[in-house]
C-alpha cells in the first residue's frame, strides 16, 4: 500500500479524559527505558523526548487512531547494559530505519516474518529481558532500601488492581525526590543540531544489534501491531505500511538526537486498555513529552534515585519476558526460545539470532 494516505474508518480527533488516561498506556515502558538510557550519560534526554513528542503527534494524526510509538527495545536494552555506545546505537537506528523503509515499500515484511520464525524473535525478547534484569540488579544495589520500598509500592498497587500505573507512580516519586534535591528546573530549549550526542559509528556490535532488532520489529511491531489495529480498532493497516512509517521515524529522529522507535504492539494495547479511542491520545502525550523535554536537565537526572530505575527496569524486563514466553507452546518452539534467550544473554544477542534462525530453518524443514 502506498505510503501516502490515511486509512478509512478513523474517528474524529477527540481530547477527553479518556484520551488523557489512554495516553498513559503508551508511556508506561517508554519513560523508564528513556530515563535508564539517559542515566548512562551517553544520550541527550531532551532531544529524545522532543523526537517522541513530535512523532507521537505525527503518526497519531496520520493514521487517525491512537497509534503507539515506543523505543526499539532490543537496541535500547543493549545500550542500557553497555553493549552499545550511543554512536553504535545511532548507526543501528539508521540501518534499521533504512531496511524497514525498503522492505515496507516493496511489501517484503510478511515474507521476512515467515523466514525469521516467531520463536527466534521471542528468544531475542527473552535475552533482552534477562539483560535488563541484570542491569536492574546493578541499579537497585545503589540503594537497596529504596529498591525494596519501590517493589513494595508495585506489589501494593498490583493487589488493589493498579499494576499498570505503578511505573508512573514510581517515576513521579523519583521526580519529586530529584526536584527537592535540585530545585525546580528552568525551562530551556534543546539545541537544534545534528547528532547532538555523537556521530554514528558502524561496528560489528551495531550490525548485530540491528539484525536482532529487525527480527523483533518485523514480528512484534509490524505484524502484531497490524493485527491489533484490526482487533482493537477495526482498522485495516498493513504491516508493510507500519514498517514504512517506522523507517521514516528512525531516519528522521536519530539525526536529530532521538533514538530508534517503533510502533510497539504493547503500547497500542496499553492505550486501548486505558481508554484511548482517537488520535487525541497521541496529541496529548506528544505535548506532554515536549513539555518534559524543556525541564529534563542533567542535574535533575543525576538526582533521580537510581534504585527506583532498577525497580522500573524489573517491571519492563518482566513484561518483556512474559511477552516472550506466554504465546509459545511447548516442544521445539519453547526450546528455541529458551536456547536463543540463554545464548543471547550469556554470549551475544546477534550471534544468538543468527544461530537461532539457522536452527529454526533446519527444524522447519525436517519437522
Protein backbone atom coordinates (compact mmCIF):
# COMPACT_ATOMS: atom_id res chain seq x y z
CA UNK A 1 0.00 0.00 0.00
CA UNK A 2 1.45 3.42 -0.90
CA UNK A 3 2.77 5.49 1.96
CA UNK A 4 0.51 8.40 1.19
CA UNK A 5 -2.98 8.19 2.61
CA UNK A 6 -4.85 7.79 5.88
CA UNK A 7 -6.80 4.55 6.40
CA UNK A 8 -10.58 4.55 6.37
CA UNK A 9 -12.72 4.20 9.50
CA UNK A 10 -10.70 6.68 11.55
CA UNK A 11 -12.65 8.54 14.21
CA UNK A 12 -12.65 12.30 14.63
CA UNK A 13 -9.90 13.57 16.91
CA UNK A 14 -11.14 13.91 20.48
CA UNK A 15 -9.44 15.46 23.52
CA UNK A 16 -11.19 14.00 26.54
CA UNK A 17 -10.34 12.44 29.88
CA UNK A 18 -10.41 9.01 28.24
CA UNK A 19 -7.82 10.13 25.70
CA UNK A 20 -5.70 11.54 28.51
CA UNK A 21 -5.72 8.34 30.52
CA UNK A 22 -5.31 6.31 27.32
CA UNK A 23 -2.14 8.21 26.53
CA UNK A 24 -0.59 6.77 29.70
CA UNK A 25 -0.79 3.29 28.22
CA UNK A 26 1.97 4.09 25.73
CA UNK A 27 4.30 5.72 28.26
CA UNK A 28 4.47 3.04 30.95
CA UNK A 29 7.51 1.31 29.43
CA UNK A 30 8.75 4.27 27.40
CA UNK A 31 9.72 6.64 30.23
CA UNK A 32 11.56 4.09 32.41
CA UNK A 33 13.62 2.95 29.42
CA UNK A 34 14.43 6.50 28.33
CA UNK A 35 15.44 7.61 31.83
CA UNK A 36 17.54 4.48 32.32
CA UNK A 37 19.23 5.11 28.96
CA UNK A 38 19.84 8.76 29.77
CA UNK A 39 21.33 7.73 33.12
CA UNK A 40 24.21 6.14 31.19
CA UNK A 41 25.29 9.67 30.28
CA UNK A 42 25.67 8.91 26.57
CA UNK A 43 22.47 10.45 25.19
CA UNK A 44 20.55 13.71 25.40
CA UNK A 45 17.20 13.08 27.10
CA UNK A 46 15.65 16.40 25.96
CA UNK A 47 16.37 15.61 22.30
CA UNK A 48 14.94 12.10 22.72
CA UNK A 49 11.77 13.45 24.32
CA UNK A 50 11.31 16.02 21.54
CA UNK A 51 11.53 13.25 18.94
CA UNK A 52 8.98 11.17 20.82
CA UNK A 53 6.67 14.15 21.20
CA UNK A 54 6.81 15.11 17.53
CA UNK A 55 6.28 11.61 16.17
CA UNK A 56 3.53 10.72 18.64
CA UNK A 57 1.58 13.60 17.14
CA UNK A 58 2.63 12.91 13.53
CA UNK A 59 1.63 9.23 13.47
CA UNK A 60 -1.50 9.74 15.55
CA UNK A 61 -2.79 12.29 13.06
CA UNK A 62 -1.55 10.36 10.01
CA UNK A 63 -3.19 7.07 10.97
CA UNK A 64 -6.18 8.75 12.59
CA UNK A 65 -6.04 6.47 15.66
CA UNK A 66 -4.09 6.04 18.92
CA UNK A 67 -1.01 4.63 17.15
CA UNK A 68 1.76 3.56 19.52
CA UNK A 69 5.36 4.74 19.48
CA UNK A 70 8.00 3.04 21.62
CA UNK A 71 11.77 2.67 21.75
CA UNK A 72 13.21 -0.28 19.87
CA UNK A 73 13.67 -2.40 22.98
CA UNK A 74 16.46 -4.70 21.79
CA UNK A 75 18.71 -1.78 20.81
CA UNK A 76 17.79 0.34 23.84
CA UNK A 77 18.25 -2.62 26.17
CA UNK A 78 21.71 -3.30 24.73
CA UNK A 79 22.61 0.38 25.13
CA UNK A 80 21.41 0.46 28.74
CA UNK A 81 23.59 -2.51 29.69
CA UNK A 82 26.61 -1.01 27.88
CA UNK A 83 26.73 -3.42 24.94
CA UNK A 84 26.20 -0.50 22.52
CA UNK A 85 27.59 3.03 22.71
CA UNK A 86 25.44 5.94 21.55
CA UNK A 87 27.42 6.12 18.31
CA UNK A 88 26.65 2.44 17.68
CA UNK A 89 23.02 2.89 18.76
CA UNK A 90 22.60 5.76 16.30
CA UNK A 91 24.17 3.75 13.49
CA UNK A 92 21.94 0.76 14.27
CA UNK A 93 18.89 3.01 14.28
CA UNK A 94 19.71 4.44 10.86
CA UNK A 95 20.41 0.99 9.44
CA UNK A 96 17.18 -0.39 10.87
CA UNK A 97 15.27 2.60 9.53
CA UNK A 98 16.65 2.16 6.01
CA UNK A 99 15.85 -1.56 6.00
CA UNK A 100 12.30 -1.06 7.34
CA UNK A 101 11.53 1.65 4.82
CA UNK A 102 12.82 -0.53 1.98
CA UNK A 103 11.09 -3.78 2.93
CA UNK A 104 7.87 -1.96 3.68
CA UNK A 105 7.92 -0.16 0.35
CA UNK A 106 8.41 -3.42 -1.56
CA UNK A 107 5.97 -5.47 0.52
CA UNK A 108 8.56 -7.83 1.95
CA UNK A 109 7.63 -7.72 5.64
CA UNK A 110 5.30 -10.72 5.51
CA UNK A 111 7.90 -12.82 3.72
CA UNK A 112 10.66 -11.82 6.14
CA UNK A 113 8.49 -12.66 9.14
CA UNK A 114 7.94 -16.21 7.91
CA UNK A 115 11.67 -16.68 7.35
CA UNK A 116 12.68 -15.37 10.77
CA UNK A 117 10.34 -17.61 12.73
CA UNK A 118 8.43 -16.36 15.76
CA UNK A 119 10.32 -18.49 18.34
CA UNK A 120 13.61 -16.88 17.30
CA UNK A 121 12.06 -13.43 17.76
CA UNK A 122 10.68 -14.46 21.14
CA UNK A 123 14.12 -15.73 22.12
CA UNK A 124 15.67 -12.34 21.39
CA UNK A 125 12.96 -10.75 23.55
CA UNK A 126 13.85 -13.13 26.37
CA UNK A 127 17.57 -12.38 26.04
CA UNK A 128 16.98 -8.64 26.30
CA UNK A 129 14.69 -9.20 29.28
CA UNK A 130 17.46 -11.12 31.06
CA UNK A 131 20.00 -8.40 30.28
CA UNK A 132 17.60 -5.77 31.62
CA UNK A 133 17.20 -7.78 34.83
CA UNK A 134 20.97 -7.78 35.21
CA UNK A 135 21.07 -4.01 34.76
CA UNK A 136 18.15 -3.64 37.18
CA UNK A 137 20.05 -5.53 39.88
CA UNK A 138 23.07 -3.27 39.49
CA UNK A 139 20.96 -0.12 39.74
CA UNK A 140 19.00 -1.43 42.73
CA UNK A 141 22.19 -2.06 44.66
CA UNK A 142 22.82 1.71 44.66
CA UNK A 143 20.25 1.92 47.46
CA UNK A 144 18.69 -1.43 48.42
CA UNK A 145 16.27 0.18 50.88
CA UNK A 146 14.77 2.39 48.16
CA UNK A 147 14.59 -0.60 45.82
CA UNK A 148 12.72 -2.67 48.41
CA UNK A 149 10.36 0.24 49.05
CA UNK A 150 9.72 0.62 45.32
CA UNK A 151 8.94 -3.08 44.98
CA UNK A 152 6.54 -2.80 47.92
CA UNK A 153 4.71 0.03 46.14
CA UNK A 154 4.44 -2.06 42.96
CA UNK A 155 3.09 -5.06 44.88
CA UNK A 156 0.59 -2.93 46.78
CA UNK A 157 -0.72 -1.32 43.59
CA UNK A 158 -0.92 -4.72 41.93
CA UNK A 159 -3.01 -6.11 44.80
CA UNK A 160 -5.54 -3.26 44.55
CA UNK A 161 -5.74 -3.57 40.77
CA UNK A 162 -3.49 -0.73 39.60
CA UNK A 163 -0.42 -2.65 38.47
CA UNK A 164 -0.22 -0.86 35.13
CA UNK A 165 0.13 2.58 36.71
CA UNK A 166 2.85 1.54 39.17
CA UNK A 167 5.70 2.65 36.84
CA UNK A 168 4.20 6.15 36.63
CA UNK A 169 3.80 6.28 40.40
CA UNK A 170 7.46 5.36 40.87
CA UNK A 171 8.54 7.83 38.20
CA UNK A 172 6.53 10.56 39.93
CA UNK A 173 8.06 9.72 43.30
CA UNK A 174 11.56 9.72 41.86
CA UNK A 175 10.89 13.05 40.14
CA UNK A 176 9.76 14.60 43.42
CA UNK A 177 12.96 13.42 45.11
CA UNK A 178 15.05 14.88 42.27
CA UNK A 179 13.23 18.23 42.33
CA UNK A 180 13.60 18.52 46.11
CA UNK A 181 17.34 17.89 45.71
CA UNK A 182 17.98 20.28 42.81
CA UNK A 183 15.11 22.73 42.86
CA UNK A 184 12.58 23.37 40.12
CA UNK A 185 14.47 23.44 36.79
CA UNK A 186 14.21 26.41 34.47
CA UNK A 187 12.73 25.51 31.08
CA UNK A 188 15.22 25.56 28.23
CA UNK A 189 15.03 24.57 24.59
CA UNK A 190 17.26 21.70 23.41
CA UNK A 191 19.93 22.81 20.98
CA UNK A 192 18.97 22.20 17.35
CA UNK A 193 21.90 20.29 15.88
CA UNK A 194 22.57 17.05 14.04
CA UNK A 195 23.67 14.10 16.18
CA UNK A 196 23.99 16.11 19.41
CA UNK A 197 25.41 13.15 21.34
CA UNK A 198 27.94 11.92 18.77
CA UNK A 199 28.44 10.75 15.19
CA UNK A 200 27.06 7.31 14.22
CA UNK A 201 29.67 4.57 14.02
CA UNK A 202 29.03 1.27 12.25
CA UNK A 203 30.67 -1.60 14.13
CA UNK A 204 30.14 -5.34 14.44
CA UNK A 205 28.09 -4.71 17.59
CA UNK A 206 25.90 -2.19 15.76
CA UNK A 207 25.29 -4.64 12.93
CA UNK A 208 24.48 -7.48 15.34
CA UNK A 209 22.09 -5.27 17.27
CA UNK A 210 20.40 -4.17 14.05
CA UNK A 211 19.81 -7.75 12.94
CA UNK A 212 18.42 -8.73 16.34
CA UNK A 213 16.16 -5.67 16.46
CA UNK A 214 14.81 -6.19 12.96
CA UNK A 215 13.72 -9.69 13.94
CA UNK A 216 11.75 -8.27 16.88
CA UNK A 217 10.39 -5.32 14.92
CA UNK A 218 9.11 -7.35 11.99
CA UNK A 219 7.39 -9.86 14.23
CA UNK A 220 6.12 -7.70 17.06
CA UNK A 221 5.93 -4.10 15.85
CA UNK A 222 4.84 -4.61 12.24
CA UNK A 223 2.92 -7.91 12.13
CA UNK A 224 1.48 -7.93 15.66
CA UNK A 225 0.56 -4.23 15.63
CA UNK A 226 -1.18 -4.58 12.27
CA UNK A 227 -3.27 -7.41 13.70
CA UNK A 228 -4.11 -5.38 16.82
CA UNK A 229 -5.21 -2.41 14.73
CA UNK A 230 -7.91 -4.65 13.30
CA UNK A 231 -8.72 -6.46 16.54
CA UNK A 232 -8.97 -3.40 18.78
CA UNK A 233 -9.86 -0.52 16.44
CA UNK A 234 -11.33 -2.23 13.38
CA UNK A 235 -8.64 -0.67 11.20
CA UNK A 236 -7.05 -2.33 8.17
CA UNK A 237 -3.43 -1.14 8.33
CA UNK A 238 -0.87 -3.38 6.67
CA UNK A 239 2.36 -4.48 8.34
CA UNK A 240 4.29 -3.15 5.35
CA UNK A 241 2.77 0.28 5.85
CA UNK A 242 3.76 0.23 9.52
CA UNK A 243 7.28 -0.80 8.54
CA UNK A 244 7.49 2.23 6.25
CA UNK A 245 6.42 4.67 8.94
CA UNK A 246 8.87 3.12 11.44
CA UNK A 247 11.62 3.51 8.86
CA UNK A 248 10.75 7.16 8.31
CA UNK A 249 10.71 7.74 12.07
CA UNK A 250 14.17 6.27 12.63
CA UNK A 251 15.74 8.05 9.66
CA UNK A 252 14.30 11.41 10.76
CA UNK A 253 14.58 11.12 14.54
CA UNK A 254 18.07 9.66 15.02
CA UNK A 255 19.95 12.51 13.29
CA UNK A 256 18.03 14.98 15.49
CA UNK A 257 19.23 13.23 18.66
CA UNK A 258 16.38 10.77 19.05
CA UNK A 259 16.59 7.01 19.41
CA UNK A 260 15.29 4.20 17.18
CA UNK A 261 11.50 3.94 17.55
CA UNK A 262 8.79 1.51 16.50
CA UNK A 263 5.00 1.01 16.62
CA UNK A 264 5.01 -1.46 19.52
CA UNK A 265 2.01 -3.74 19.89
CA UNK A 266 2.28 -3.44 23.68
CA UNK A 267 1.87 0.32 23.55
CA UNK A 268 -1.18 0.04 21.30
CA UNK A 269 -2.75 -2.50 23.65
CA UNK A 270 -1.91 -0.22 26.59
CA UNK A 271 -3.60 2.78 25.01
CA UNK A 272 -6.69 0.73 24.29
CA UNK A 273 -6.78 -0.68 27.83
CA UNK A 274 -6.66 2.82 29.32
CA UNK A 275 -9.48 4.12 27.13
CA UNK A 276 -7.88 5.81 24.09
CA UNK A 277 -10.17 5.89 21.06
CA UNK A 278 -8.75 8.58 18.75
CA UNK A 279 -5.54 10.35 17.83
CA UNK A 280 -6.28 12.77 20.68
CA UNK A 281 -4.33 10.44 22.96
CA UNK A 282 -1.27 10.89 20.74
CA UNK A 283 -1.63 14.66 20.66
CA UNK A 284 -1.90 14.87 24.45
CA UNK A 285 1.03 12.51 25.02
CA UNK A 286 3.12 14.30 22.42
CA UNK A 287 2.53 17.64 24.14
CA UNK A 288 3.45 16.02 27.44
CA UNK A 289 6.74 14.71 26.05
CA UNK A 290 7.58 18.11 24.56
CA UNK A 291 6.88 19.83 27.88
CA UNK A 292 9.03 17.31 29.75
CA UNK A 293 11.87 17.93 27.30
CA UNK A 294 12.03 21.56 28.46
CA UNK A 295 12.87 20.61 32.06
CA UNK A 296 14.81 17.34 31.68
CA UNK A 297 18.17 18.76 32.77
CA UNK A 298 21.34 16.85 33.58
CA UNK A 299 21.24 17.91 37.22
CA UNK A 300 17.66 16.70 37.61
CA UNK A 301 18.56 13.39 36.03
CA UNK A 302 21.63 12.97 38.24
CA UNK A 303 19.47 13.49 41.33
CA UNK A 304 16.94 10.87 40.26
CA UNK A 305 17.28 7.82 42.57
CA UNK A 306 18.95 5.05 40.56
CA UNK A 307 17.39 2.33 42.73
CA UNK A 308 13.96 3.44 41.51
CA UNK A 309 15.16 2.94 37.95
CA UNK A 310 16.23 -0.55 38.98
CA UNK A 311 12.69 -1.35 40.09
CA UNK A 312 11.26 0.13 36.90
CA UNK A 313 13.58 -1.99 34.80
CA UNK A 314 12.43 -5.08 36.68
CA UNK A 315 8.87 -4.25 35.59
CA UNK A 316 9.95 -3.71 31.99
CA UNK A 317 12.02 -6.92 32.00
CA UNK A 318 9.12 -8.89 33.46
CA UNK A 319 6.68 -7.60 30.82
CA UNK A 320 9.16 -8.29 28.02
CA UNK A 321 9.92 -11.77 29.34
CA UNK A 322 6.22 -12.55 29.76
CA UNK A 323 5.55 -11.39 26.19
CA UNK A 324 8.33 -13.70 25.00
CA UNK A 325 7.19 -16.85 26.80
CA UNK A 326 3.41 -16.58 27.11
CA UNK A 327 2.44 -17.14 23.43
CA UNK A 328 4.87 -20.05 22.90
CA UNK A 329 3.75 -23.66 23.04
CA UNK A 330 5.98 -26.50 24.24
CA UNK A 331 8.34 -28.67 22.23
CA UNK A 332 10.78 -27.21 19.72
CA UNK A 333 9.28 -23.69 19.74
CA UNK A 334 9.78 -23.32 23.50
CA UNK A 335 13.22 -24.93 23.34
CA UNK A 336 14.22 -22.50 20.61
CA UNK A 337 13.06 -19.51 22.69
CA UNK A 338 14.97 -20.69 25.77
CA UNK A 339 18.18 -21.52 23.89
CA UNK A 340 18.20 -18.29 21.87
CA UNK A 341 17.41 -16.31 25.02
CA UNK A 342 20.14 -18.01 27.01
CA UNK A 343 22.81 -17.64 24.32
CA UNK A 344 21.82 -14.01 23.76
CA UNK A 345 22.05 -13.17 27.44
CA UNK A 346 25.24 -15.11 28.17
CA UNK A 347 27.16 -14.69 24.92
CA UNK A 348 25.85 -12.27 22.29
CA UNK A 349 22.40 -11.22 21.05
CA UNK A 350 23.40 -11.01 17.39
CA UNK A 351 25.06 -14.43 17.44
CA UNK A 352 22.02 -15.90 19.18
CA UNK A 353 19.76 -14.50 16.48
CA UNK A 354 21.83 -15.93 13.60
CA UNK A 355 22.27 -19.34 15.23
CA UNK A 356 18.60 -19.46 16.20
CA UNK A 357 17.50 -18.55 12.69
CA UNK A 358 19.67 -21.27 11.14
CA UNK A 359 18.48 -23.86 13.65
CA UNK A 360 14.84 -22.91 13.13
CA UNK A 361 15.08 -23.18 9.35
CA UNK A 362 16.54 -26.68 9.72
CA UNK A 363 13.85 -27.70 12.21
CA UNK A 364 11.10 -26.35 9.96
CA UNK A 365 12.47 -28.30 7.00
CA UNK A 366 12.67 -31.66 8.78
CA UNK A 367 9.72 -31.39 11.17
